[in-house]
Amino acid sequence: MRIMIRFSMLILSLMLLLTACLPQTEDGLRLHDVEVYSNASDLLGIYSYFYGPPTTIRIGGETLELTEGSPTGDFSVPSALLVGGQPYYKRSLGKLQYPPTRVLKIPLTSDVQLEVGEQVREVLYFDGSKWFTLVNAAGRGFKARVVPKERLQGLQNIGSLTREEAEAFQKALLPRAPVAVTVMDSRLPEGNAGGFTEYLRSTFYIQQTVPTDDSAYEAPNEELLWDTLAEGSQATGVEQAEYALIASEEQLLSFWNRAYGSQLSVPPLPDVDFRRETIVAAFAGTKPTGGYGLSVDGVTLEGSDAYIDLTETQPAADAITTQAITSPWVMLRILRGDINAAWFRNSQDGALFGVAQRTQ
């Protein structure tokens, strides 16, 4: 019994001793490193921010006096300790032999050209007014024309930056716009962060000066003149979706009769000058009820191909519709006679779902 009591007291003493040795995070010293590579030499370096009680420490053989104060100037963080009277402690970094990313502006558009030389976590772009995401993650060899997506939170939530650190870097980069910021993995070996109750590291490549790539410019697609020739919902002989490019009166008569096949009286065939005009038809196929339809939202020309932006509507779940079988269709007249193919795509997301080619 005495042995058990002594053993229990020994365990309790060890637990109390270990508890006393644990660092107190709320009173301890915290270190946040921001590793910045850049094509601008004055940005290159490791920005070290210290948080916690004032103290004196040694790093790399150098004694640093950490004091409370009001940091000011570029990249200063209000809640960070002053380091020898400065808003942060900056150490030198070697310049990268090859940049991880390269961002170029494209003339007459807000799109940019993005080239990636190694695996990166995220690429952001600042045009002087707004922050944008170019890509969330990309690997070596990625090269594409990118449509920037607005990023309302700026540099918040990238790397391990705190809110104040993100705001400090945003403010400092404001007069340097346009700039691109790449979030990447550290190029340095994992250091010993002993003595700190918290250690965070973020690594970025900041591209200052974004040149223009004239070779990436592409002339905008030509918008074509067009109108809806006819439309309906009672085509016959069309079970599945079908698309047609009509280039002769004989072809037009065939599709016209299919479109109006359920009517006792077929409307007269419209006059079409096939030397200057092309007719395009889209049939949705058989539908179980009413409420379905097709509508054309736009037509553009790329080379000798027309791209038809099409919306297929369907009834809502609680809609009251006729229970008869329907078959929606639409025909449009394009004021151009040399079209070789018509591509049909979803108006909402641009996905291609059909094509019709000239047969005559």
Protein backbone atom coordinates (compact mmCIF):
# COMPACT_ATOMS: atom_id res chain seq x y z
CA MET A 1 0.00 0.00 0.00
CA ARG A 2 2.83 2.38 0.93
CA ILE A 3 4.55 1.58 -2.36
CA MET A 4 1.41 2.49 -4.32
CA ILE A 5 1.04 5.78 -2.42
CA ARG A 6 4.68 6.69 -3.03
CA PHE A 7 4.36 5.77 -6.72
CA SER A 8 1.23 7.93 -7.09
CA MET A 9 2.96 10.87 -5.40
CA LEU A 10 5.94 10.44 -7.74
CA ILE A 11 3.68 10.50 -10.82
CA LEU A 12 1.87 13.60 -9.51
CA SER A 13 5.19 15.37 -8.88
CA LEU A 14 6.39 14.58 -12.42
CA MET A 15 3.14 15.91 -13.92
CA LEU A 16 3.44 19.15 -11.96
CA LEU A 17 7.07 19.50 -13.05
CA LEU A 18 6.21 18.94 -16.72
CA THR A 19 3.32 21.41 -16.51
CA ALA A 20 5.66 24.05 -15.10
CA CYS A 21 8.06 23.48 -18.03
CA LEU A 22 5.44 23.96 -20.77
CA PRO A 23 5.69 27.36 -22.57
CA GLN A 24 2.92 29.83 -21.89
CA THR A 25 1.78 30.76 -25.39
CA GLU A 26 -0.07 33.88 -24.39
CA ASP A 27 3.07 35.29 -22.70
CA GLY A 28 5.69 33.72 -24.96
CA LEU A 29 7.56 35.10 -27.94
CA ARG A 30 6.19 34.36 -31.40
CA LEU A 31 8.07 34.63 -34.71
CA HIS A 32 6.53 35.00 -38.18
CA ASP A 33 8.88 34.90 -41.20
CA VAL A 34 7.80 36.14 -44.62
CA GLU A 35 10.22 34.89 -47.28
CA VAL A 36 10.04 37.20 -50.30
CA TYR A 37 11.67 36.55 -53.65
CA SER A 38 11.31 39.19 -56.32
CA ASN A 39 12.64 40.70 -59.52
CA ALA A 40 12.82 43.96 -57.52
CA SER A 41 16.00 43.85 -55.44
CA ASP A 42 14.65 46.10 -52.67
CA LEU A 43 11.83 43.61 -51.95
CA LEU A 44 14.09 40.56 -51.77
CA GLY A 45 14.62 39.22 -48.25
CA ILE A 46 13.17 37.53 -45.17
CA TYR A 47 10.89 39.81 -43.16
CA SER A 48 10.79 38.65 -39.52
CA TYR A 49 8.01 39.84 -37.22
CA PHE A 50 8.18 39.26 -33.46
CA TYR A 51 5.15 39.26 -31.18
CA GLY A 52 4.96 39.02 -27.40
CA PRO A 53 6.74 40.58 -24.42
CA PRO A 54 9.76 42.91 -24.93
CA THR A 55 13.05 41.05 -24.59
CA THR A 56 16.55 40.62 -25.96
CA ILE A 57 17.38 37.64 -28.20
CA ARG A 58 20.25 36.43 -30.34
CA ILE A 59 19.72 35.28 -33.94
CA GLY A 60 22.60 34.28 -36.19
CA GLY A 61 25.14 35.72 -33.80
CA GLU A 62 23.33 39.07 -33.70
CA THR A 63 21.70 40.53 -30.60
CA LEU A 64 18.22 41.95 -31.20
CA GLU A 65 16.44 44.32 -28.85
CA LEU A 66 12.69 43.74 -29.07
CA THR A 67 10.67 46.62 -27.67
CA GLU A 68 7.09 47.84 -27.74
CA GLY A 69 6.26 50.79 -29.91
CA SER A 70 4.32 51.98 -32.93
CA PRO A 71 5.89 50.54 -36.10
CA THR A 72 5.63 52.77 -39.15
CA GLY A 73 6.71 52.57 -42.79
CA ASP A 74 6.34 50.00 -45.54
CA PHE A 75 5.56 46.43 -44.40
CA SER A 76 5.08 47.54 -40.79
CA VAL A 77 2.63 45.55 -38.64
CA PRO A 78 0.98 47.51 -35.79
CA SER A 79 1.03 44.71 -33.20
CA ALA A 80 4.61 43.56 -33.91
CA LEU A 81 7.52 44.43 -31.63
CA LEU A 82 10.12 46.91 -32.81
CA VAL A 83 13.46 45.31 -33.68
CA GLY A 84 16.21 47.74 -32.80
CA GLY A 85 13.69 50.49 -33.42
CA GLN A 86 12.71 49.06 -36.85
CA PRO A 87 9.28 47.59 -37.74
CA TYR A 88 10.81 44.17 -38.61
CA TYR A 89 14.08 42.31 -38.87
CA LYS A 90 15.14 41.79 -42.48
CA ARG A 91 17.65 39.18 -43.58
CA SER A 92 19.12 38.80 -47.06
CA LEU A 93 18.06 36.18 -49.60
CA GLY A 94 19.72 35.00 -52.77
CA LYS A 95 17.98 35.89 -56.04
CA LEU A 96 16.25 33.01 -57.82
CA GLN A 97 17.92 31.82 -61.01
CA TYR A 98 14.54 31.37 -62.66
CA PRO A 99 11.27 32.95 -61.51
CA PRO A 100 8.52 30.44 -60.60
CA THR A 101 5.94 32.37 -62.62
CA ARG A 102 5.74 35.04 -65.28
CA VAL A 103 2.68 37.22 -65.83
CA LEU A 104 2.20 39.34 -68.95
CA LYS A 105 -0.58 41.72 -69.93
CA ILE A 106 -2.40 41.19 -73.22
CA PRO A 107 -3.20 44.30 -75.30
CA LEU A 108 -6.79 45.60 -75.46
CA THR A 109 -8.10 43.14 -72.86
CA SER A 110 -8.10 42.53 -69.11
CA ASP A 111 -6.88 38.95 -69.68
CA VAL A 112 -3.27 38.06 -68.87
CA GLN A 113 -0.79 35.45 -70.07
CA LEU A 114 0.47 33.19 -67.25
CA GLU A 115 3.58 30.99 -67.50
CA VAL A 116 4.53 28.66 -64.63
CA GLY A 117 8.03 27.23 -64.16
CA GLU A 118 7.47 25.13 -61.02
CA GLN A 119 4.69 23.89 -58.76
CA VAL A 120 2.95 26.86 -57.12
CA ARG A 121 0.04 27.11 -54.70
CA GLU A 122 -1.65 30.25 -55.99
CA VAL A 123 -1.02 33.24 -58.25
CA LEU A 124 -2.59 36.64 -57.57
CA TYR A 125 -2.57 39.85 -59.58
CA PHE A 126 -3.04 43.47 -58.52
CA ASP A 127 -3.82 46.02 -61.24
CA GLY A 128 -3.58 49.06 -58.97
CA SER A 129 -7.25 49.01 -58.05
CA LYS A 130 -8.34 45.42 -57.38
CA TRP A 131 -6.82 42.07 -56.47
CA PHE A 132 -7.49 39.06 -58.68
CA THR A 133 -6.85 35.31 -58.59
CA LEU A 134 -5.16 34.01 -61.73
CA VAL A 135 -4.89 30.35 -60.72
CA ASN A 136 -5.35 28.44 -57.47
CA ALA A 137 -2.63 25.86 -58.17
CA ALA A 138 -0.49 25.05 -61.18
CA GLY A 139 2.52 22.94 -62.11
CA ARG A 140 5.58 23.37 -64.24
CA GLY A 141 4.84 23.92 -67.91
CA PHE A 142 1.46 25.56 -67.37
CA LYS A 143 1.01 28.33 -69.95
CA ALA A 144 -2.35 29.85 -70.71
CA ARG A 145 -4.36 32.96 -71.31
CA VAL A 146 -6.15 33.59 -68.01
CA VAL A 147 -9.25 35.59 -67.16
CA PRO A 148 -8.56 37.24 -63.76
CA LYS A 149 -11.21 36.54 -61.10
CA GLU A 150 -11.72 39.31 -58.58
CA ARG A 151 -10.46 38.48 -55.08
CA LEU A 152 -12.31 40.68 -52.59
CA GLN A 153 -10.13 39.65 -49.62
CA GLY A 154 -6.88 40.76 -51.26
CA LEU A 155 -3.91 39.02 -49.62
CA GLN A 156 -5.94 37.67 -46.73
CA ASN A 157 -5.73 33.89 -46.24
CA ILE A 158 -2.61 33.29 -48.33
CA GLY A 159 0.39 31.48 -46.92
CA SER A 160 0.46 31.83 -43.14
CA LEU A 161 -0.02 35.61 -43.07
CA THR A 162 -2.04 37.08 -40.26
CA ARG A 163 -4.70 39.66 -41.07
CA GLU A 164 -2.39 42.53 -40.08
CA GLU A 165 0.54 41.13 -42.07
CA ALA A 166 -1.64 40.73 -45.17
CA GLU A 167 -2.83 44.32 -44.82
CA ALA A 168 0.77 45.54 -44.40
CA PHE A 169 1.91 43.85 -47.61
CA GLN A 170 -1.15 45.05 -49.52
CA LYS A 171 -0.47 48.63 -48.47
CA ALA A 172 3.22 48.41 -49.34
CA LEU A 173 2.53 46.93 -52.79
CA LEU A 174 -0.14 49.51 -53.67
CA PRO A 175 2.26 52.06 -55.27
CA ARG A 176 4.14 49.28 -57.07
CA ALA A 177 1.17 48.12 -59.16
CA PRO A 178 0.72 46.27 -61.36
CA VAL A 179 2.26 43.35 -59.47
CA ALA A 180 1.82 39.59 -59.40
CA VAL A 181 2.18 37.59 -56.18
CA THR A 182 2.91 33.86 -56.32
CA VAL A 183 2.39 31.69 -53.24
CA MET A 184 5.05 28.98 -53.21
CA ASP A 185 6.90 26.53 -50.98
CA SER A 186 9.94 27.73 -49.08
CA ARG A 187 13.33 27.40 -50.76
CA LEU A 188 15.09 27.31 -47.37
CA PRO A 189 15.69 24.30 -45.12
CA GLU A 190 13.48 23.97 -42.07
CA GLY A 191 15.11 26.06 -39.34
CA ASN A 192 15.16 25.50 -35.60
CA ALA A 193 12.45 27.70 -34.10
CA GLY A 194 13.26 26.69 -30.53
CA GLY A 195 12.49 29.28 -27.91
CA PHE A 196 9.40 30.54 -29.71
CA THR A 197 5.91 29.51 -28.72
CA GLU A 198 4.79 29.93 -32.34
CA TYR A 199 6.63 29.95 -35.64
CA LEU A 200 4.95 30.66 -38.98
CA ARG A 201 6.53 30.99 -42.44
CA SER A 202 5.08 32.27 -45.70
CA THR A 203 6.92 32.28 -49.03
CA PHE A 204 6.10 34.50 -52.00
CA TYR A 205 7.49 35.56 -55.33
CA ILE A 206 6.55 39.16 -56.14
CA GLN A 207 6.79 40.17 -59.78
CA GLN A 208 7.08 43.93 -60.01
CA THR A 209 6.58 45.36 -63.50
CA VAL A 210 4.18 43.34 -65.63
CA PRO A 211 5.15 43.72 -69.32
CA THR A 212 2.80 43.49 -72.27
CA ASP A 213 2.89 40.44 -74.56
CA ASP A 214 1.87 41.73 -77.99
CA SER A 215 2.09 38.22 -79.49
CA ALA A 216 -0.68 36.97 -77.19
CA TYR A 217 -3.23 39.38 -78.65
CA GLU A 218 -6.10 37.78 -80.52
CA ALA A 219 -8.59 39.79 -82.52
CA PRO A 220 -12.05 39.59 -80.95
CA ASN A 221 -14.60 37.30 -82.55
CA GLU A 222 -16.79 38.99 -85.10
CA GLU A 223 -20.44 39.36 -84.12
CA LEU A 224 -22.77 38.35 -86.93
CA LEU A 225 -26.07 39.85 -87.94
CA TRP A 226 -28.86 37.33 -87.45
CA ASP A 227 -32.53 37.01 -86.70
CA THR A 228 -34.92 34.27 -85.64
CA LEU A 229 -36.52 32.93 -88.81
CA ALA A 230 -39.10 30.73 -87.06
CA GLU A 231 -39.62 28.71 -83.89
CA GLY A 232 -42.11 26.27 -82.43
CA SER A 233 -42.66 23.27 -80.17
CA GLN A 234 -44.36 20.62 -82.35
CA ALA A 235 -41.70 19.24 -84.70
CA THR A 236 -42.21 15.72 -86.03
CA GLY A 237 -39.79 12.85 -86.59
CA VAL A 238 -37.16 14.22 -84.20
CA GLU A 239 -36.61 11.90 -81.23
CA GLN A 240 -33.18 13.18 -80.14
CA ALA A 241 -31.52 16.59 -80.30
CA GLU A 242 -30.50 17.46 -83.86
CA TYR A 243 -28.68 20.39 -85.45
CA ALA A 244 -28.48 21.46 -89.08
CA LEU A 245 -26.70 24.00 -91.28
CA ILE A 246 -29.03 24.66 -94.22
CA ALA A 247 -27.39 25.94 -97.39
CA SER A 248 -30.02 25.32 -100.09
CA GLU A 249 -33.74 25.69 -100.69
CA GLU A 250 -34.09 21.91 -100.98
CA GLN A 251 -32.61 21.42 -97.49
CA LEU A 252 -34.73 24.23 -96.08
CA LEU A 253 -37.94 22.64 -97.44
CA SER A 254 -37.09 19.31 -95.79
CA PHE A 255 -36.46 20.80 -92.34
CA TRP A 256 -39.37 23.23 -92.70
CA ASN A 257 -41.79 20.34 -93.21
CA ARG A 258 -40.38 18.52 -90.17
CA ALA A 259 -40.70 21.63 -88.04
CA TYR A 260 -44.36 22.16 -88.99
CA GLY A 261 -45.21 18.50 -89.60
CA SER A 262 -47.88 18.37 -86.88
CA GLN A 263 -49.84 21.30 -88.33
CA LEU A 264 -52.59 20.87 -90.90
CA SER A 265 -51.42 24.01 -92.70
CA VAL A 266 -47.69 24.58 -93.21
CA PRO A 267 -46.61 28.25 -93.50
CA PRO A 268 -45.08 29.26 -96.82
CA LEU A 269 -41.35 28.77 -97.21
CA PRO A 270 -39.49 32.04 -96.48
CA ASP A 271 -37.39 33.71 -99.15
CA VAL A 272 -33.67 33.14 -98.52
CA ASP A 273 -30.70 34.31 -100.59
CA PHE A 274 -28.28 31.46 -99.94
CA ARG A 275 -25.46 33.36 -101.64
CA ARG A 276 -25.53 35.86 -98.76
CA GLU A 277 -27.42 34.01 -96.02
CA THR A 278 -27.16 30.76 -94.07
CA ILE A 279 -29.98 29.07 -92.14
CA VAL A 280 -29.20 27.17 -88.95
CA ALA A 281 -31.72 24.92 -87.18
CA ALA A 282 -31.74 23.38 -83.71
CA PHE A 283 -34.21 20.67 -82.66
CA ALA A 284 -34.39 19.76 -78.94
CA GLY A 285 -35.94 16.32 -79.50
CA THR A 286 -39.06 14.83 -77.95
CA LYS A 287 -40.08 16.16 -74.51
CA PRO A 288 -42.68 14.60 -72.17
CA THR A 289 -44.65 17.81 -71.46
CA GLY A 290 -44.95 21.44 -72.41
CA GLY A 291 -42.77 24.15 -70.91
CA TYR A 292 -39.64 23.26 -72.86
CA GLY A 293 -38.09 25.64 -75.37
CA LEU A 294 -35.01 26.83 -77.25
CA SER A 295 -33.75 30.41 -77.54
CA VAL A 296 -30.73 31.88 -79.31
CA ASP A 297 -28.74 34.44 -77.29
CA GLY A 298 -25.95 35.34 -79.71
CA VAL A 299 -23.97 34.37 -82.80
CA THR A 300 -20.24 34.99 -83.37
CA LEU A 301 -17.84 34.11 -86.17
CA GLU A 302 -14.42 32.48 -85.78
CA GLY A 303 -12.82 31.97 -89.16
CA SER A 304 -15.54 30.38 -91.26
CA ASP A 305 -17.34 28.80 -88.28
CA ALA A 306 -20.36 30.25 -86.52
CA TYR A 307 -20.83 29.78 -82.76
CA ILE A 308 -24.45 29.76 -81.63
CA ASP A 309 -25.10 30.57 -77.96
CA LEU A 310 -28.23 28.60 -77.13
CA THR A 311 -30.40 28.29 -74.02
CA GLU A 312 -32.69 25.32 -73.50
CA THR A 313 -35.47 26.10 -71.03
CA GLN A 314 -37.47 23.55 -69.09
CA PRO A 315 -40.48 23.82 -66.79
CA ALA A 316 -40.07 24.35 -63.06
CA ALA A 317 -40.94 21.43 -60.79
CA ASP A 318 -44.19 23.09 -59.69
CA ALA A 319 -45.11 24.53 -63.09
CA ILE A 320 -48.52 23.77 -64.61
CA THR A 321 -47.93 22.60 -68.18
CA THR A 322 -49.70 20.70 -70.90
CA GLN A 323 -49.16 16.94 -70.55
CA ALA A 324 -48.87 16.48 -74.29
CA ILE A 325 -45.58 15.44 -75.87
CA THR A 326 -43.71 18.41 -77.39
CA SER A 327 -40.65 18.88 -79.58
CA PRO A 328 -39.15 22.43 -79.46
CA TRP A 329 -37.17 23.85 -82.34
CA VAL A 330 -35.74 27.13 -83.62
CA MET A 331 -34.36 28.33 -86.96
CA LEU A 332 -32.24 31.41 -87.41
CA ARG A 333 -31.05 33.34 -90.43
CA ILE A 334 -27.39 34.43 -90.41
CA LEU A 335 -26.54 37.23 -92.80
CA ARG A 336 -23.49 35.51 -94.22
CA GLY A 337 -23.33 32.89 -96.96
CA ASP A 338 -19.87 31.37 -96.48
CA ILE A 339 -20.30 29.61 -93.13
CA ASN A 340 -18.90 26.07 -93.17
CA ALA A 341 -19.90 24.87 -89.69
CA ALA A 342 -22.22 25.90 -86.88
CA TRP A 343 -21.17 25.07 -83.31
CA PHE A 344 -23.84 25.11 -80.62
CA ARG A 345 -22.81 25.98 -77.07
CA ASN A 346 -24.45 26.59 -73.72
CA SER A 347 -25.04 30.31 -73.16
CA GLN A 348 -24.29 30.01 -69.42
CA ASP A 349 -20.95 28.16 -69.35
CA GLY A 350 -19.83 28.05 -73.01
CA ALA A 351 -19.83 24.23 -73.14
CA LEU A 352 -20.15 22.85 -76.68
CA PHE A 353 -22.92 20.31 -77.16
CA GLY A 354 -23.58 20.14 -80.91
CA VAL A 355 -22.23 20.90 -84.37
CA ALA A 356 -23.66 21.06 -87.90
CA GLN A 357 -21.53 21.18 -91.02
CA ARG A 358 -22.21 22.32 -94.55
CA THR A 359 -23.01 19.39 -96.84
CA GLN A 360 -23.51 21.30 -100.10
